[in-house]
């Protein structure tokens, strides 16, 4: 049986807010929880925008890498008052996405959060004008590059879908003047860290295997 343990109520509340956002975006969302040696838990969800979202909180999880239902986890966090929580049944087979590496990230640049928030707001307005037959914006719009960040010998293109994921997960905060968003990358991955969490996506599409 999996188990979560928190020593600080605020950390449990932070995880609850993250999971609530994920379930609001995707009712059947699953959450992958991975423990670190430094007493932290990385929580991961796959958003409907084909972008991963993550938040790190202080705590412990057993087993060290487990996937559970977002709804079950959210209910457990809301109901249980104990330090130790049963997050629900193990659903490891329902996790479909590869996770990025923990190391070898290069910080490309830091941007004012208001710039990113304004771009996301303009993108949402554009999406409303170009909704597809199923009430979702077309992939061609989501894949449009809305910002290119250059630094440390890297040019990183940020597609609109990343900003949609950040907005949907509530990561952008209030966009105050001193709030920053950090862009980092590896050869294969892009990561955008904001006040309340981060989004991660492959920088290049995987090539299909030849058969």
N, C-alpha and C. Protein backbone atom coordinates (compact mmCIF):
# COMPACT_ATOMS: atom_id res chain seq x y z
N UNK A 1 0.84 -1.20 0.00
CA UNK A 1 0.00 0.00 0.00
C UNK A 1 0.88 1.25 0.00
N UNK A 2 0.66 2.19 -0.93
CA UNK A 2 1.48 3.41 -0.95
C UNK A 2 1.16 4.31 0.24
N UNK A 3 2.12 5.17 0.57
CA UNK A 3 1.94 6.05 1.72
C UNK A 3 2.66 7.37 1.49
N UNK A 4 1.99 8.46 1.82
CA UNK A 4 2.57 9.80 1.80
C UNK A 4 2.74 10.28 3.23
N UNK A 5 3.82 11.02 3.47
CA UNK A 5 4.04 11.56 4.80
C UNK A 5 4.49 13.01 4.70
N UNK A 6 3.86 13.89 5.47
CA UNK A 6 4.21 15.30 5.50
C UNK A 6 4.44 15.73 6.94
N UNK A 7 5.43 16.58 7.12
CA UNK A 7 5.66 17.17 8.44
C UNK A 7 5.09 18.58 8.53
N UNK A 8 4.81 19.19 7.38
CA UNK A 8 4.27 20.55 7.34
C UNK A 8 2.92 20.54 6.63
N UNK A 9 1.92 21.10 7.28
CA UNK A 9 0.58 21.17 6.69
C UNK A 9 0.59 21.96 5.39
N UNK A 10 1.42 23.00 5.33
CA UNK A 10 1.46 23.84 4.13
C UNK A 10 1.92 23.06 2.91
N UNK A 11 2.82 22.10 3.10
CA UNK A 11 3.31 21.30 1.98
C UNK A 11 2.20 20.40 1.45
N UNK A 12 1.41 19.82 2.35
CA UNK A 12 0.28 19.00 1.93
C UNK A 12 -0.75 19.84 1.19
N UNK A 13 -0.98 21.06 1.67
CA UNK A 13 -1.93 21.95 1.00
C UNK A 13 -1.44 22.33 -0.40
N UNK A 14 -0.12 22.54 -0.53
CA UNK A 14 0.45 22.87 -1.84
C UNK A 14 0.23 21.73 -2.83
N UNK A 15 0.46 20.50 -2.37
CA UNK A 15 0.23 19.35 -3.25
C UNK A 15 -1.25 19.25 -3.60
N UNK A 16 -2.12 19.51 -2.62
CA UNK A 16 -3.56 19.46 -2.88
C UNK A 16 -3.99 20.48 -3.93
N UNK A 17 -3.42 21.69 -3.88
CA UNK A 17 -3.76 22.72 -4.87
C UNK A 17 -3.30 22.29 -6.26
N UNK A 18 -2.11 21.69 -6.34
CA UNK A 18 -1.59 21.21 -7.61
C UNK A 18 -2.49 20.12 -8.20
N UNK A 19 -2.87 19.16 -7.38
CA UNK A 19 -3.71 18.05 -7.85
C UNK A 19 -5.11 18.56 -8.24
N UNK A 20 -5.63 19.50 -7.48
CA UNK A 20 -6.96 20.05 -7.80
C UNK A 20 -6.96 20.71 -9.18
N UNK A 21 -5.91 21.43 -9.50
CA UNK A 21 -5.80 22.05 -10.82
C UNK A 21 -5.74 21.00 -11.91
N UNK A 22 -4.97 19.94 -11.66
CA UNK A 22 -4.82 18.88 -12.65
C UNK A 22 -6.15 18.18 -12.92
N UNK A 23 -6.91 17.91 -11.87
CA UNK A 23 -8.19 17.23 -12.01
C UNK A 23 -9.20 18.15 -12.69
N UNK A 24 -9.09 19.44 -12.45
CA UNK A 24 -9.99 20.38 -13.11
C UNK A 24 -9.75 20.40 -14.62
N UNK A 25 -8.49 20.27 -15.01
CA UNK A 25 -8.16 20.24 -16.44
C UNK A 25 -8.53 18.91 -17.08
N UNK A 26 -8.33 17.82 -16.33
CA UNK A 26 -8.57 16.48 -16.85
C UNK A 26 -9.12 15.62 -15.72
N UNK A 27 -10.42 15.32 -15.79
CA UNK A 27 -11.09 14.64 -14.69
C UNK A 27 -10.50 13.29 -14.34
N UNK A 28 -9.91 12.61 -15.32
CA UNK A 28 -9.34 11.28 -15.08
C UNK A 28 -7.82 11.33 -14.89
N UNK A 29 -7.28 12.49 -14.54
CA UNK A 29 -5.83 12.65 -14.42
C UNK A 29 -5.26 11.69 -13.37
N UNK A 30 -4.07 11.18 -13.68
CA UNK A 30 -3.31 10.43 -12.69
C UNK A 30 -2.09 11.26 -12.30
N UNK A 31 -1.59 11.02 -11.10
CA UNK A 31 -0.47 11.79 -10.56
C UNK A 31 0.68 10.83 -10.26
N UNK A 32 1.83 11.14 -10.80
CA UNK A 32 3.02 10.34 -10.51
C UNK A 32 3.82 11.03 -9.41
N UNK A 33 4.13 10.29 -8.37
CA UNK A 33 4.85 10.82 -7.21
C UNK A 33 6.21 10.15 -7.14
N UNK A 34 7.28 10.95 -7.12
CA UNK A 34 8.64 10.40 -7.07
C UNK A 34 9.39 11.05 -5.90
N UNK A 35 9.90 10.22 -5.02
CA UNK A 35 10.63 10.73 -3.88
C UNK A 35 12.07 11.02 -4.21
N UNK A 36 12.62 12.02 -3.53
CA UNK A 36 14.04 12.35 -3.65
C UNK A 36 14.74 12.02 -2.34
N UNK A 37 16.07 11.90 -2.41
CA UNK A 37 16.84 11.59 -1.21
C UNK A 37 16.86 12.76 -0.22
N UNK A 38 16.58 13.97 -0.70
CA UNK A 38 16.63 15.14 0.18
C UNK A 38 15.30 15.45 0.86
N UNK A 39 14.42 14.44 0.93
CA UNK A 39 13.16 14.64 1.64
C UNK A 39 12.15 15.46 0.87
N UNK A 40 12.14 15.34 -0.42
CA UNK A 40 11.19 16.05 -1.27
C UNK A 40 10.44 15.07 -2.16
N UNK A 41 9.28 15.49 -2.60
CA UNK A 41 8.47 14.69 -3.52
C UNK A 41 8.22 15.50 -4.78
N UNK A 42 8.57 14.94 -5.92
CA UNK A 42 8.22 15.54 -7.21
C UNK A 42 6.89 14.95 -7.66
N UNK A 43 5.90 15.78 -7.87
CA UNK A 43 4.60 15.32 -8.37
C UNK A 43 4.48 15.72 -9.84
N UNK A 44 3.98 14.80 -10.66
CA UNK A 44 3.88 15.00 -12.10
C UNK A 44 2.47 14.69 -12.59
N UNK A 45 1.99 15.49 -13.54
CA UNK A 45 0.75 15.19 -14.25
C UNK A 45 0.95 15.49 -15.73
N UNK A 46 0.21 14.77 -16.56
CA UNK A 46 0.19 15.04 -18.00
C UNK A 46 -1.04 15.89 -18.29
N UNK A 47 -0.84 17.10 -18.80
CA UNK A 47 -1.97 17.99 -19.06
C UNK A 47 -2.58 17.68 -20.43
N UNK A 48 -3.80 18.17 -20.70
CA UNK A 48 -4.43 17.95 -22.01
C UNK A 48 -3.70 18.65 -23.16
N UNK A 49 -2.69 19.47 -22.85
CA UNK A 49 -1.97 20.21 -23.90
C UNK A 49 -0.70 19.48 -24.34
N UNK A 50 -0.58 18.20 -23.98
CA UNK A 50 0.61 17.42 -24.31
C UNK A 50 1.86 18.06 -23.71
N UNK A 51 1.72 18.54 -22.50
CA UNK A 51 2.79 19.17 -21.73
C UNK A 51 2.72 18.61 -20.32
N UNK A 52 3.86 18.25 -19.75
CA UNK A 52 3.88 17.79 -18.37
C UNK A 52 3.93 18.97 -17.41
N UNK A 53 3.28 18.80 -16.27
CA UNK A 53 3.34 19.82 -15.22
C UNK A 53 3.88 19.16 -13.95
N UNK A 54 4.64 19.92 -13.17
CA UNK A 54 5.25 19.34 -11.98
C UNK A 54 5.33 20.37 -10.86
N UNK A 55 5.29 19.87 -9.64
CA UNK A 55 5.49 20.68 -8.46
C UNK A 55 6.21 19.83 -7.42
N UNK A 56 7.12 20.44 -6.69
CA UNK A 56 7.90 19.74 -5.67
C UNK A 56 7.48 20.23 -4.28
N UNK A 57 7.26 19.27 -3.37
CA UNK A 57 6.90 19.60 -2.00
C UNK A 57 7.79 18.81 -1.05
N UNK A 58 7.89 19.28 0.18
CA UNK A 58 8.62 18.56 1.21
C UNK A 58 7.79 17.40 1.72
N UNK A 59 8.38 16.21 1.76
CA UNK A 59 7.65 15.05 2.23
C UNK A 59 8.33 13.76 1.84
N UNK A 60 7.64 12.67 2.08
CA UNK A 60 8.18 11.34 1.78
C UNK A 60 7.08 10.50 1.14
N UNK A 61 7.45 9.69 0.17
CA UNK A 61 6.48 8.78 -0.46
C UNK A 61 7.07 7.38 -0.52
N UNK A 62 6.25 6.40 -0.22
CA UNK A 62 6.60 4.98 -0.33
C UNK A 62 5.50 4.26 -1.10
N UNK A 63 5.87 3.49 -2.13
CA UNK A 63 7.21 3.33 -2.70
C UNK A 63 7.73 4.64 -3.29
N UNK A 64 8.98 4.62 -3.68
CA UNK A 64 9.67 5.84 -4.07
C UNK A 64 9.20 6.41 -5.41
N UNK A 65 8.47 5.64 -6.17
CA UNK A 65 7.96 6.08 -7.47
C UNK A 65 6.63 5.37 -7.69
N UNK A 66 5.53 6.13 -7.62
CA UNK A 66 4.21 5.51 -7.69
C UNK A 66 3.23 6.46 -8.38
N UNK A 67 2.30 5.88 -9.12
CA UNK A 67 1.26 6.66 -9.79
C UNK A 67 -0.10 6.32 -9.18
N UNK A 68 -0.88 7.36 -8.89
CA UNK A 68 -2.20 7.18 -8.26
C UNK A 68 -3.23 8.05 -8.97
N UNK A 69 -4.48 7.80 -8.69
CA UNK A 69 -5.58 8.59 -9.25
C UNK A 69 -5.56 10.00 -8.67
N UNK A 70 -5.72 11.01 -9.53
CA UNK A 70 -5.78 12.38 -9.05
C UNK A 70 -6.96 12.60 -8.12
N UNK A 71 -8.12 12.04 -8.47
CA UNK A 71 -9.30 12.21 -7.63
C UNK A 71 -9.15 11.53 -6.27
N UNK A 72 -8.56 10.32 -6.27
CA UNK A 72 -8.35 9.60 -5.00
C UNK A 72 -7.36 10.37 -4.12
N UNK A 73 -6.28 10.86 -4.73
CA UNK A 73 -5.28 11.60 -3.97
C UNK A 73 -5.86 12.89 -3.41
N UNK A 74 -6.63 13.59 -4.23
CA UNK A 74 -7.22 14.85 -3.79
C UNK A 74 -8.16 14.63 -2.60
N UNK A 75 -8.96 13.56 -2.66
CA UNK A 75 -9.88 13.25 -1.57
C UNK A 75 -9.10 12.90 -0.29
N UNK A 76 -8.02 12.13 -0.44
CA UNK A 76 -7.23 11.74 0.73
C UNK A 76 -6.58 12.96 1.38
N UNK A 77 -6.07 13.87 0.57
CA UNK A 77 -5.44 15.07 1.11
C UNK A 77 -6.45 15.97 1.82
N UNK A 78 -7.69 15.96 1.33
CA UNK A 78 -8.72 16.83 1.92
C UNK A 78 -9.30 16.24 3.20
N UNK A 79 -9.40 14.92 3.28
CA UNK A 79 -10.11 14.28 4.39
C UNK A 79 -9.18 13.94 5.54
N UNK A 80 -8.01 13.37 5.25
CA UNK A 80 -7.14 12.89 6.31
C UNK A 80 -6.44 14.05 7.03
N UNK A 81 -6.43 13.97 8.36
CA UNK A 81 -5.72 14.98 9.16
C UNK A 81 -4.38 14.46 9.68
N UNK A 82 -4.08 13.19 9.37
CA UNK A 82 -2.85 12.58 9.87
C UNK A 82 -1.65 13.04 9.06
N UNK A 83 -0.45 12.88 9.62
CA UNK A 83 0.77 13.16 8.88
C UNK A 83 0.97 12.16 7.75
N UNK A 84 0.50 10.93 7.97
CA UNK A 84 0.63 9.88 6.97
C UNK A 84 -0.70 9.68 6.26
N UNK A 85 -0.62 9.59 4.92
CA UNK A 85 -1.83 9.55 4.10
C UNK A 85 -1.74 8.39 3.11
N UNK A 86 -2.84 7.68 2.95
CA UNK A 86 -2.97 6.67 1.91
C UNK A 86 -3.47 7.37 0.65
N UNK A 87 -2.63 7.48 -0.41
CA UNK A 87 -3.05 8.23 -1.60
C UNK A 87 -3.96 7.47 -2.54
N UNK A 88 -4.27 6.22 -2.24
CA UNK A 88 -5.15 5.44 -3.10
C UNK A 88 -4.43 4.33 -3.83
N UNK A 89 -5.18 3.56 -4.63
CA UNK A 89 -4.59 2.40 -5.32
C UNK A 89 -3.47 2.80 -6.29
N UNK A 90 -2.54 1.87 -6.49
CA UNK A 90 -1.44 2.07 -7.43
C UNK A 90 -1.95 1.92 -8.86
N UNK A 91 -1.62 2.92 -9.70
CA UNK A 91 -2.05 2.91 -11.11
C UNK A 91 -0.85 3.13 -12.03
N UNK A 92 0.26 2.46 -11.73
CA UNK A 92 1.49 2.70 -12.49
C UNK A 92 1.31 2.48 -13.99
N UNK A 93 0.49 1.53 -14.38
CA UNK A 93 0.33 1.21 -15.81
C UNK A 93 -0.40 2.32 -16.57
N UNK A 94 -1.04 3.23 -15.85
CA UNK A 94 -1.76 4.31 -16.52
C UNK A 94 -0.86 5.51 -16.84
N UNK A 95 0.37 5.49 -16.36
CA UNK A 95 1.29 6.60 -16.69
C UNK A 95 1.94 6.31 -18.03
N UNK A 96 1.77 7.20 -19.01
CA UNK A 96 2.20 6.96 -20.39
C UNK A 96 3.41 7.79 -20.82
N UNK A 97 3.79 8.79 -20.07
CA UNK A 97 4.77 9.76 -20.54
C UNK A 97 6.16 9.49 -19.97
N UNK A 98 7.17 9.73 -20.79
CA UNK A 98 8.55 9.70 -20.29
C UNK A 98 8.79 10.94 -19.45
N UNK A 99 9.63 10.82 -18.42
CA UNK A 99 9.98 11.96 -17.59
C UNK A 99 11.36 12.48 -17.99
N UNK A 100 11.58 13.78 -17.85
CA UNK A 100 12.87 14.36 -18.21
C UNK A 100 13.94 14.00 -17.17
N UNK A 101 15.21 14.23 -17.49
CA UNK A 101 16.27 13.96 -16.51
C UNK A 101 16.21 14.97 -15.36
N UNK A 102 16.77 14.58 -14.21
CA UNK A 102 16.83 15.49 -13.09
C UNK A 102 18.04 16.43 -13.17
N UNK A 103 19.06 16.02 -13.91
CA UNK A 103 20.31 16.80 -13.98
C UNK A 103 20.55 17.28 -15.40
N UNK A 104 21.64 18.05 -15.53
CA UNK A 104 22.13 18.55 -16.83
C UNK A 104 21.23 19.60 -17.47
N UNK A 105 20.51 20.34 -16.66
CA UNK A 105 19.71 21.45 -17.17
C UNK A 105 20.57 22.71 -17.25
N UNK A 106 20.40 23.45 -18.34
CA UNK A 106 21.05 24.75 -18.49
C UNK A 106 20.00 25.85 -18.36
N UNK A 107 20.24 26.79 -17.47
CA UNK A 107 19.34 27.94 -17.35
C UNK A 107 19.60 28.88 -18.52
N UNK A 108 18.59 29.11 -19.32
CA UNK A 108 18.73 29.92 -20.53
C UNK A 108 18.48 31.39 -20.21
N UNK A 109 17.42 31.68 -19.48
CA UNK A 109 17.10 33.08 -19.17
C UNK A 109 16.00 33.13 -18.12
N UNK A 110 15.85 34.29 -17.50
CA UNK A 110 14.72 34.58 -16.63
C UNK A 110 13.92 35.72 -17.26
N UNK A 111 12.61 35.56 -17.24
CA UNK A 111 11.72 36.54 -17.87
C UNK A 111 10.76 37.10 -16.83
N UNK A 112 10.32 38.34 -17.01
CA UNK A 112 9.26 38.86 -16.14
C UNK A 112 8.00 38.02 -16.30
N UNK A 113 7.40 37.62 -15.20
CA UNK A 113 6.20 36.79 -15.27
C UNK A 113 5.08 37.49 -16.02
N UNK A 114 5.04 38.81 -15.95
CA UNK A 114 3.97 39.55 -16.63
C UNK A 114 4.05 39.37 -18.14
N UNK A 115 5.26 39.27 -18.68
CA UNK A 115 5.41 39.04 -20.13
C UNK A 115 4.78 37.71 -20.52
N UNK A 116 5.07 36.67 -19.73
CA UNK A 116 4.54 35.35 -20.02
C UNK A 116 3.03 35.32 -19.83
N UNK A 117 2.53 35.98 -18.77
CA UNK A 117 1.10 36.03 -18.52
C UNK A 117 0.36 36.74 -19.65
N UNK A 118 0.92 37.84 -20.12
CA UNK A 118 0.28 38.59 -21.22
C UNK A 118 0.24 37.75 -22.49
N UNK A 119 1.32 37.03 -22.78
CA UNK A 119 1.34 36.15 -23.95
C UNK A 119 0.30 35.05 -23.84
N UNK A 120 0.18 34.47 -22.64
CA UNK A 120 -0.81 33.41 -22.42
C UNK A 120 -2.22 33.96 -22.60
N UNK A 121 -2.49 35.15 -22.08
CA UNK A 121 -3.82 35.75 -22.20
C UNK A 121 -4.16 36.02 -23.66
N UNK A 122 -3.19 36.53 -24.43
CA UNK A 122 -3.44 36.78 -25.86
C UNK A 122 -3.66 35.48 -26.61
N UNK A 123 -2.92 34.44 -26.22
CA UNK A 123 -3.10 33.14 -26.84
C UNK A 123 -4.47 32.55 -26.56
N UNK A 124 -4.97 32.73 -25.34
CA UNK A 124 -6.30 32.23 -24.99
C UNK A 124 -7.38 32.93 -25.81
N UNK A 125 -7.23 34.24 -26.01
CA UNK A 125 -8.19 34.97 -26.83
C UNK A 125 -8.17 34.47 -28.27
N UNK A 126 -6.97 34.21 -28.78
CA UNK A 126 -6.84 33.70 -30.14
C UNK A 126 -7.44 32.30 -30.26
N UNK A 127 -7.25 31.50 -29.24
CA UNK A 127 -7.79 30.14 -29.25
C UNK A 127 -9.31 30.15 -29.28
N UNK A 128 -9.93 31.08 -28.54
CA UNK A 128 -11.38 31.18 -28.51
C UNK A 128 -11.94 31.48 -29.89
N UNK A 129 -11.17 32.21 -30.70
CA UNK A 129 -11.62 32.57 -32.03
C UNK A 129 -11.38 31.45 -33.05
N UNK A 130 -10.62 30.42 -32.64
CA UNK A 130 -10.25 29.37 -33.60
C UNK A 130 -10.49 27.98 -33.03
N UNK A 131 -11.56 27.82 -32.25
CA UNK A 131 -11.87 26.54 -31.66
C UNK A 131 -12.23 25.52 -32.73
N UNK A 132 -11.76 24.29 -32.54
CA UNK A 132 -12.08 23.21 -33.45
C UNK A 132 -13.46 22.64 -33.18
N UNK A 133 -13.86 21.59 -33.91
CA UNK A 133 -15.22 21.02 -33.76
C UNK A 133 -15.47 20.40 -32.40
N UNK A 134 -14.41 20.03 -31.67
CA UNK A 134 -14.58 19.41 -30.36
C UNK A 134 -14.35 20.40 -29.21
N UNK A 135 -14.36 21.69 -29.54
CA UNK A 135 -14.20 22.70 -28.51
C UNK A 135 -12.79 22.88 -28.04
N UNK A 136 -11.83 22.43 -28.84
CA UNK A 136 -10.41 22.59 -28.49
C UNK A 136 -9.70 23.32 -29.62
N UNK A 137 -8.66 24.10 -29.30
CA UNK A 137 -7.92 24.79 -30.35
C UNK A 137 -7.16 23.79 -31.21
N UNK A 138 -6.95 24.09 -32.50
CA UNK A 138 -6.23 23.17 -33.36
C UNK A 138 -4.76 23.02 -32.95
N UNK A 139 -4.19 21.84 -33.25
CA UNK A 139 -2.80 21.57 -32.89
C UNK A 139 -1.86 22.57 -33.55
N UNK A 140 -2.22 23.02 -34.75
CA UNK A 140 -1.36 23.97 -35.46
C UNK A 140 -1.22 25.27 -34.68
N UNK A 141 -2.28 25.66 -33.97
CA UNK A 141 -2.22 26.87 -33.15
C UNK A 141 -1.41 26.62 -31.88
N UNK A 142 -1.66 25.49 -31.24
CA UNK A 142 -0.94 25.17 -30.01
C UNK A 142 0.56 25.04 -30.25
N UNK A 143 0.95 24.59 -31.44
CA UNK A 143 2.37 24.38 -31.73
C UNK A 143 3.08 25.65 -32.19
N UNK A 144 2.35 26.74 -32.35
CA UNK A 144 3.00 27.99 -32.77
C UNK A 144 3.98 28.48 -31.72
N UNK A 145 5.15 28.91 -32.18
CA UNK A 145 6.15 29.49 -31.28
C UNK A 145 5.72 30.91 -30.92
N UNK A 146 5.56 31.16 -29.63
CA UNK A 146 5.14 32.49 -29.18
C UNK A 146 6.30 33.27 -28.57
N UNK A 147 7.40 32.57 -28.29
CA UNK A 147 8.54 33.23 -27.66
C UNK A 147 9.79 32.40 -27.92
N UNK A 148 10.88 33.06 -28.28
CA UNK A 148 12.17 32.41 -28.42
C UNK A 148 13.12 33.03 -27.42
N UNK A 149 13.70 32.19 -26.58
CA UNK A 149 14.59 32.65 -25.51
C UNK A 149 16.01 32.20 -25.85
N UNK A 150 16.94 33.14 -25.77
CA UNK A 150 18.32 32.86 -26.13
C UNK A 150 19.25 33.11 -24.95
N UNK A 151 20.17 32.18 -24.73
CA UNK A 151 21.14 32.35 -23.66
C UNK A 151 21.96 31.09 -23.47
N UNK A 152 23.19 31.25 -22.98
CA UNK A 152 24.08 30.11 -22.73
C UNK A 152 24.22 29.24 -23.98
N UNK A 153 24.34 29.89 -25.13
CA UNK A 153 24.54 29.23 -26.43
C UNK A 153 23.35 28.35 -26.84
N UNK A 154 22.18 28.66 -26.32
CA UNK A 154 20.98 27.91 -26.67
C UNK A 154 19.90 28.86 -27.17
N UNK A 155 19.15 28.42 -28.18
CA UNK A 155 17.94 29.10 -28.63
C UNK A 155 16.77 28.18 -28.34
N UNK A 156 15.91 28.60 -27.45
CA UNK A 156 14.80 27.75 -27.01
C UNK A 156 13.49 28.35 -27.48
N UNK A 157 12.74 27.59 -28.27
CA UNK A 157 11.45 28.04 -28.77
C UNK A 157 10.35 27.54 -27.84
N UNK A 158 9.49 28.45 -27.42
CA UNK A 158 8.40 28.12 -26.50
C UNK A 158 7.09 28.12 -27.26
N UNK A 159 6.42 26.97 -27.38
CA UNK A 159 5.14 26.92 -28.09
C UNK A 159 3.99 27.38 -27.20
N UNK A 160 2.91 27.77 -27.83
CA UNK A 160 1.75 28.27 -27.10
C UNK A 160 1.20 27.23 -26.13
N UNK A 161 1.30 25.95 -26.48
CA UNK A 161 0.74 24.92 -25.61
C UNK A 161 1.40 24.94 -24.22
N UNK A 162 2.66 25.33 -24.14
CA UNK A 162 3.32 25.42 -22.83
C UNK A 162 2.70 26.52 -21.97
N UNK A 163 2.38 27.64 -22.59
CA UNK A 163 1.76 28.74 -21.85
C UNK A 163 0.33 28.39 -21.44
N UNK A 164 -0.38 27.65 -22.30
CA UNK A 164 -1.72 27.19 -21.93
C UNK A 164 -1.65 26.28 -20.71
N UNK A 165 -0.67 25.38 -20.69
CA UNK A 165 -0.53 24.47 -19.55
C UNK A 165 -0.21 25.25 -18.28
N UNK A 166 0.67 26.24 -18.38
CA UNK A 166 1.01 27.06 -17.22
C UNK A 166 -0.21 27.81 -16.69
N UNK A 167 -0.98 28.37 -17.60
CA UNK A 167 -2.17 29.11 -17.19
C UNK A 167 -3.21 28.18 -16.58
N UNK A 168 -3.44 27.03 -17.23
CA UNK A 168 -4.44 26.09 -16.75
C UNK A 168 -4.10 25.52 -15.38
N UNK A 169 -2.81 25.37 -15.09
CA UNK A 169 -2.38 24.84 -13.80
C UNK A 169 -2.21 25.93 -12.75
N UNK A 170 -2.47 27.18 -13.13
CA UNK A 170 -2.39 28.27 -12.15
C UNK A 170 -0.98 28.59 -11.70
N UNK A 171 0.01 28.37 -12.57
CA UNK A 171 1.41 28.54 -12.18
C UNK A 171 1.90 29.97 -12.28
N UNK A 172 1.20 30.82 -12.99
CA UNK A 172 1.74 32.14 -13.29
C UNK A 172 1.54 33.17 -12.19
N UNK A 173 0.79 32.85 -11.17
CA UNK A 173 0.62 33.81 -10.07
C UNK A 173 -0.08 35.07 -10.52
N UNK A 174 0.28 36.17 -9.90
CA UNK A 174 -0.37 37.45 -10.19
C UNK A 174 0.38 38.29 -11.21
N UNK A 175 1.59 37.84 -11.58
CA UNK A 175 2.36 38.60 -12.56
C UNK A 175 2.83 39.93 -12.04
N UNK A 176 3.21 40.00 -10.76
CA UNK A 176 3.69 41.25 -10.19
C UNK A 176 5.03 41.63 -10.81
N UNK A 177 5.43 42.87 -10.61
CA UNK A 177 6.59 43.42 -11.30
C UNK A 177 7.88 42.64 -11.01
N UNK A 178 8.03 42.12 -9.79
CA UNK A 178 9.27 41.45 -9.43
C UNK A 178 9.23 39.94 -9.61
N UNK A 179 8.11 39.40 -10.08
CA UNK A 179 7.99 37.96 -10.25
C UNK A 179 8.66 37.53 -11.55
N UNK A 180 9.44 36.45 -11.49
CA UNK A 180 10.21 35.97 -12.64
C UNK A 180 9.80 34.56 -13.02
N UNK A 181 9.99 34.25 -14.30
CA UNK A 181 9.80 32.91 -14.84
C UNK A 181 11.14 32.46 -15.43
N UNK A 182 11.59 31.28 -15.05
CA UNK A 182 12.91 30.80 -15.49
C UNK A 182 12.75 29.76 -16.58
N UNK A 183 13.51 29.93 -17.65
CA UNK A 183 13.51 28.98 -18.76
C UNK A 183 14.82 28.20 -18.73
N UNK A 184 14.72 26.88 -18.73
CA UNK A 184 15.90 26.02 -18.73
C UNK A 184 15.70 24.95 -19.80
N UNK A 185 16.81 24.31 -20.20
CA UNK A 185 16.71 23.33 -21.28
C UNK A 185 17.85 22.31 -21.18
N UNK A 186 17.61 21.15 -21.75
CA UNK A 186 18.66 20.19 -22.07
C UNK A 186 18.66 20.07 -23.59
N UNK A 187 19.43 19.15 -24.12
CA UNK A 187 19.40 18.95 -25.57
C UNK A 187 18.01 18.54 -26.05
N UNK A 188 17.27 17.84 -25.20
CA UNK A 188 16.00 17.26 -25.63
C UNK A 188 14.77 17.87 -24.99
N UNK A 189 14.93 18.60 -23.87
CA UNK A 189 13.77 19.03 -23.10
C UNK A 189 13.80 20.54 -22.84
N UNK A 190 12.60 21.08 -22.68
CA UNK A 190 12.36 22.47 -22.29
C UNK A 190 11.63 22.47 -20.96
N UNK A 191 12.03 23.37 -20.04
CA UNK A 191 11.36 23.49 -18.75
C UNK A 191 11.16 24.96 -18.43
N UNK A 192 9.95 25.30 -17.97
CA UNK A 192 9.64 26.67 -17.57
C UNK A 192 9.18 26.64 -16.12
N UNK A 193 9.95 27.25 -15.24
CA UNK A 193 9.64 27.29 -13.82
C UNK A 193 9.00 28.62 -13.46
N UNK A 194 7.84 28.56 -12.83
CA UNK A 194 7.15 29.76 -12.35
C UNK A 194 6.92 29.63 -10.85
N UNK A 195 6.19 30.57 -10.32
CA UNK A 195 6.04 30.66 -8.86
C UNK A 195 5.42 29.42 -8.24
N UNK A 196 4.41 28.83 -8.89
CA UNK A 196 3.67 27.74 -8.27
C UNK A 196 3.93 26.38 -8.90
N UNK A 197 4.87 26.28 -9.82
CA UNK A 197 5.16 25.00 -10.45
C UNK A 197 5.87 25.19 -11.77
N UNK A 198 6.08 24.09 -12.47
CA UNK A 198 6.81 24.14 -13.74
C UNK A 198 6.11 23.28 -14.78
N UNK A 199 6.32 23.62 -16.05
CA UNK A 199 5.87 22.79 -17.16
C UNK A 199 7.10 22.32 -17.93
N UNK A 200 6.98 21.12 -18.49
CA UNK A 200 8.11 20.49 -19.16
C UNK A 200 7.60 19.84 -20.45
N UNK A 201 8.40 19.98 -21.52
CA UNK A 201 8.01 19.38 -22.81
C UNK A 201 9.28 19.10 -23.61
N UNK A 202 9.20 18.07 -24.43
CA UNK A 202 10.31 17.78 -25.34
C UNK A 202 10.48 18.93 -26.33
N UNK A 203 11.72 19.28 -26.61
CA UNK A 203 12.00 20.36 -27.54
C UNK A 203 11.81 19.92 -28.98
N UNK A 204 11.97 18.64 -29.24
CA UNK A 204 11.86 18.12 -30.60
C UNK A 204 10.99 16.87 -30.57
N UNK A 205 10.19 16.70 -31.60
CA UNK A 205 9.35 15.51 -31.68
C UNK A 205 10.22 14.27 -31.85
N UNK A 206 9.78 13.19 -31.23
CA UNK A 206 10.49 11.92 -31.39
C UNK A 206 10.27 11.38 -32.79
N UNK A 207 11.33 10.87 -33.41
CA UNK A 207 11.20 10.28 -34.74
C UNK A 207 10.58 8.89 -34.61
N UNK A 208 9.66 8.53 -35.52
CA UNK A 208 9.06 7.19 -35.44
C UNK A 208 10.08 6.11 -35.75
N UNK A 209 9.92 4.97 -35.11
CA UNK A 209 10.81 3.84 -35.38
C UNK A 209 10.53 3.27 -36.77
N UNK A 210 11.59 2.94 -37.48
CA UNK A 210 11.44 2.33 -38.81
C UNK A 210 11.17 0.84 -38.65
N UNK A 211 10.22 0.35 -39.41
CA UNK A 211 9.90 -1.09 -39.33
C UNK A 211 10.01 -1.71 -40.72
